[in-house]
Amino acid sequence: MTTSNANPYRINVRDLMHRPGELRELELRVSVPEQLGEGLVSVRAGAGLTLDVRLESIHDGILVSAEVEAEAAGVCGRCLTDITLPVEVDFQELFAYSSGEAFDPEVDDPEVHDDHVDLEPLVRDAVVLSLPFQPVCRPDCPGLDPETGERLSHLPETKPTEPADPRWAALAQFQASEDVAGDAGQ
């Protein structure tokens, strides 16, 4: 099932309302209207999102259980290589029957509003919170060379050199005698 362009996350539940025990399952394919996430990786606007949704009518409202799948794109936090990551999250929320007061989805608990449930805040929160803060292209990514900025994975195997502390530069000129122990005994 494909949803409308106005609000792709809005589902009509009129057939389930006030009928405890009724159940409906559906699969939604949504083109993400706005980017989900702001960090190094995000689900880009226009990307595909699949929701497997289960709607259950209970005494207090509509219980929504959903599994969300998408693909996030961005860059590795160590070497800045382009990466894509699978996103798989699930959530469950009770949409209470409307109390008749003005509804603000950003402040209030989810409610059935005008015979519909709006999954957008739940999907957004679940997807964004599942994205890694410091994504990596692979677990052993060596990152960038701090001096040249080149990717260490592209450089030949070299032992990283420790930068010399300029306060010790004068001592670097002295050479240790190889026969230090022998001189002490004479």
Protein backbone atom coordinates (compact mmCIF):
# COMPACT_ATOMS: atom_id res chain seq x y z
CA MET A 1 0.00 0.00 0.00
CA THR A 2 1.34 3.43 -0.89
CA THR A 3 0.26 6.47 1.07
CA SER A 4 -0.77 9.93 -0.12
CA ASN A 5 1.68 12.79 -0.65
CA ALA A 6 0.00 15.11 1.87
CA ASN A 7 1.11 13.12 4.95
CA PRO A 8 2.45 9.70 4.06
CA TYR A 9 2.46 8.59 7.71
CA ARG A 10 -1.25 9.21 8.34
CA ILE A 11 -3.45 6.08 8.48
CA ASN A 12 -7.26 5.96 8.52
CA VAL A 13 -8.52 3.81 11.43
CA ARG A 14 -12.25 4.51 11.22
CA ASP A 15 -13.01 0.80 10.64
CA LEU A 16 -11.19 -0.13 13.89
CA MET A 17 -12.44 2.57 16.25
CA HIS A 18 -14.45 1.45 19.31
CA ARG A 19 -14.35 -2.18 18.15
CA PRO A 20 -12.02 -3.94 20.67
CA GLY A 21 -10.47 -7.06 19.25
CA GLU A 22 -10.38 -5.85 15.62
CA LEU A 23 -7.01 -6.04 13.92
CA ARG A 24 -5.48 -4.82 10.66
CA GLU A 25 -1.98 -5.36 9.28
CA LEU A 26 -0.52 -3.40 6.41
CA GLU A 27 2.73 -2.57 4.72
CA LEU A 28 3.48 1.04 3.83
CA ARG A 29 6.14 2.19 1.40
CA VAL A 30 6.91 5.83 2.00
CA SER A 31 9.18 8.26 0.20
CA VAL A 32 10.70 10.24 3.09
CA PRO A 33 9.47 13.85 2.74
CA GLU A 34 12.15 15.37 5.01
CA GLN A 35 15.62 14.21 6.00
CA LEU A 36 15.64 12.11 9.18
CA GLY A 37 18.74 12.90 11.23
CA GLU A 38 21.33 15.68 11.25
CA GLY A 39 24.63 13.96 12.10
CA LEU A 40 27.22 12.22 9.96
CA VAL A 41 24.56 9.81 8.67
CA SER A 42 20.88 10.34 7.99
CA VAL A 43 17.97 8.97 6.01
CA ARG A 44 17.88 11.43 3.12
CA ALA A 45 14.74 13.13 1.81
CA GLY A 46 13.31 11.04 -1.01
CA ALA A 47 14.75 7.78 0.32
CA GLY A 48 12.46 4.77 0.60
CA LEU A 49 11.06 3.73 3.95
CA THR A 50 9.14 0.50 4.58
CA LEU A 51 6.76 0.17 7.52
CA ASP A 52 5.14 -3.11 8.54
CA VAL A 53 2.25 -1.88 10.69
CA ARG A 54 -0.14 -3.76 12.96
CA LEU A 55 -3.20 -1.79 14.16
CA GLU A 56 -5.18 -3.29 17.06
CA SER A 57 -8.37 -1.82 18.47
CA ILE A 58 -8.49 -1.97 22.26
CA HIS A 59 -10.78 -0.39 24.83
CA ASP A 60 -8.66 2.79 25.29
CA GLY A 61 -7.65 3.42 21.67
CA ILE A 62 -5.62 1.97 18.81
CA LEU A 63 -2.42 0.08 19.62
CA VAL A 64 0.11 0.53 16.81
CA SER A 65 3.09 -1.81 16.46
CA ALA A 66 5.47 -1.14 13.60
CA GLU A 67 8.76 -2.30 12.12
CA VAL A 68 10.62 0.31 10.09
CA GLU A 69 13.32 -0.36 7.50
CA ALA A 70 15.34 2.22 5.61
CA GLU A 71 18.86 2.97 4.45
CA ALA A 72 20.93 5.78 5.96
CA ALA A 73 23.70 7.48 4.01
CA GLY A 74 26.56 9.67 5.15
CA VAL A 75 30.28 9.55 5.91
CA CYS A 76 32.58 7.53 8.16
CA GLY A 77 33.43 9.44 11.34
CA ARG A 78 37.12 8.43 11.09
CA CYS A 79 38.11 8.58 7.41
CA LEU A 80 35.21 10.52 5.81
CA THR A 81 34.49 7.76 3.26
CA ASP A 82 30.90 7.67 1.95
CA ILE A 83 28.90 4.92 3.66
CA THR A 84 25.39 3.48 3.75
CA LEU A 85 23.91 1.71 6.74
CA PRO A 86 20.74 -0.35 7.09
CA VAL A 87 18.21 1.04 9.58
CA GLU A 88 15.87 -1.43 11.24
CA VAL A 89 13.80 -0.27 14.22
CA ASP A 90 10.48 -1.11 15.77
CA PHE A 91 8.11 0.68 18.11
CA GLN A 92 4.78 0.22 19.79
CA GLU A 93 2.47 3.05 20.87
CA LEU A 94 -1.08 3.44 22.09
CA PHE A 95 -3.07 6.12 20.28
CA ALA A 96 -5.79 7.06 22.78
CA TYR A 97 -9.22 8.12 21.57
CA SER A 98 -9.39 11.90 21.21
CA SER A 99 -10.48 13.84 24.27
CA GLY A 100 -11.89 16.65 22.10
CA GLU A 101 -9.27 19.22 23.18
CA ALA A 102 -6.84 20.92 20.79
CA PHE A 103 -4.17 18.36 19.85
CA ASP A 104 -0.46 19.20 19.61
CA PRO A 105 1.55 16.10 18.49
CA GLU A 106 4.82 17.63 19.72
CA VAL A 107 3.56 17.98 23.31
CA ASP A 108 0.68 15.57 23.88
CA ASP A 109 0.59 11.79 23.94
CA PRO A 110 -0.48 10.30 20.60
CA GLU A 111 -4.22 10.33 19.98
CA VAL A 112 -6.58 9.12 17.31
CA HIS A 113 -7.40 12.41 15.61
CA ASP A 114 -10.17 12.77 13.00
CA ASP A 115 -10.34 8.97 12.56
CA HIS A 116 -6.60 8.84 11.77
CA VAL A 117 -3.33 8.01 13.49
CA ASP A 118 -0.19 9.95 12.52
CA LEU A 119 2.96 7.82 12.73
CA GLU A 120 5.36 10.57 11.62
CA PRO A 121 6.65 11.66 15.09
CA LEU A 122 7.11 8.04 16.16
CA VAL A 123 8.89 7.02 12.95
CA ARG A 124 11.11 10.11 13.04
CA ASP A 125 12.09 9.56 16.70
CA ALA A 126 12.73 5.81 16.28
CA VAL A 127 14.85 6.25 13.14
CA VAL A 128 16.87 9.24 14.38
CA LEU A 129 17.61 7.62 17.75
CA SER A 130 18.81 4.44 16.03
CA LEU A 131 21.42 6.25 13.91
CA PRO A 132 25.01 5.94 15.20
CA PHE A 133 26.63 9.09 16.57
CA GLN A 134 30.08 8.12 15.22
CA PRO A 135 29.49 5.79 12.25
CA VAL A 136 32.46 3.91 10.81
CA CYS A 137 32.99 2.29 7.42
CA ARG A 138 34.44 -0.77 9.17
CA PRO A 139 35.24 -1.47 12.84
CA ASP A 140 39.03 -1.30 12.34
CA CYS A 141 39.02 1.89 10.23
CA PRO A 142 42.38 3.62 10.91
CA GLY A 143 41.08 7.10 10.06
CA LEU A 144 43.09 10.01 8.64
CA ASP A 145 46.76 10.89 9.02
CA PRO A 146 46.82 13.84 11.45
CA GLU A 147 49.59 15.61 9.53
CA THR A 148 48.70 15.04 5.86
CA GLY A 149 44.97 14.37 6.09
CA GLU A 150 45.32 11.30 3.85
CA ARG A 151 43.37 8.14 4.58
CA LEU A 152 45.65 5.80 6.49
CA SER A 153 44.05 2.80 4.77
CA HIS A 154 45.36 4.10 1.41
CA LEU A 155 48.95 4.64 2.60
CA PRO A 156 51.63 1.92 2.56
CA GLU A 157 52.29 0.19 5.87
CA THR A 158 54.40 2.64 7.84
CA LYS A 159 54.94 2.98 11.51
CA PRO A 160 53.33 6.20 12.73
CA THR A 161 55.90 8.64 14.05
CA GLU A 162 55.36 10.45 17.28
CA PRO A 163 55.72 14.20 16.89
CA ALA A 164 58.78 15.41 18.82
CA ASP A 165 58.08 17.76 21.69
CA PRO A 166 60.07 20.95 20.92
CA ARG A 167 61.04 21.27 24.62
CA TRP A 168 63.21 18.14 24.24
CA ALA A 169 64.84 19.17 20.93
CA ALA A 170 68.21 20.03 22.54
CA LEU A 171 68.50 16.52 24.02
CA ALA A 172 67.94 14.92 20.63
CA GLN A 173 71.43 16.14 19.58
CA PHE A 174 73.21 14.07 22.25
CA GLN A 175 74.28 10.56 21.34
CA ALA A 176 74.42 7.92 24.05
CA SER A 177 77.72 6.08 24.39
CA GLU A 178 77.41 2.40 23.54
CA ASP A 179 79.90 1.38 26.19
CA VAL A 180 78.38 3.31 29.09
CA ALA A 181 78.67 0.37 31.54
CA GLY A 182 82.27 -0.39 30.53
CA ASP A 183 83.40 3.22 31.13
CA ALA A 184 81.95 3.27 34.65
CA GLY A 185 84.11 0.29 35.75
CA GLN A 186 87.47 1.81 34.69
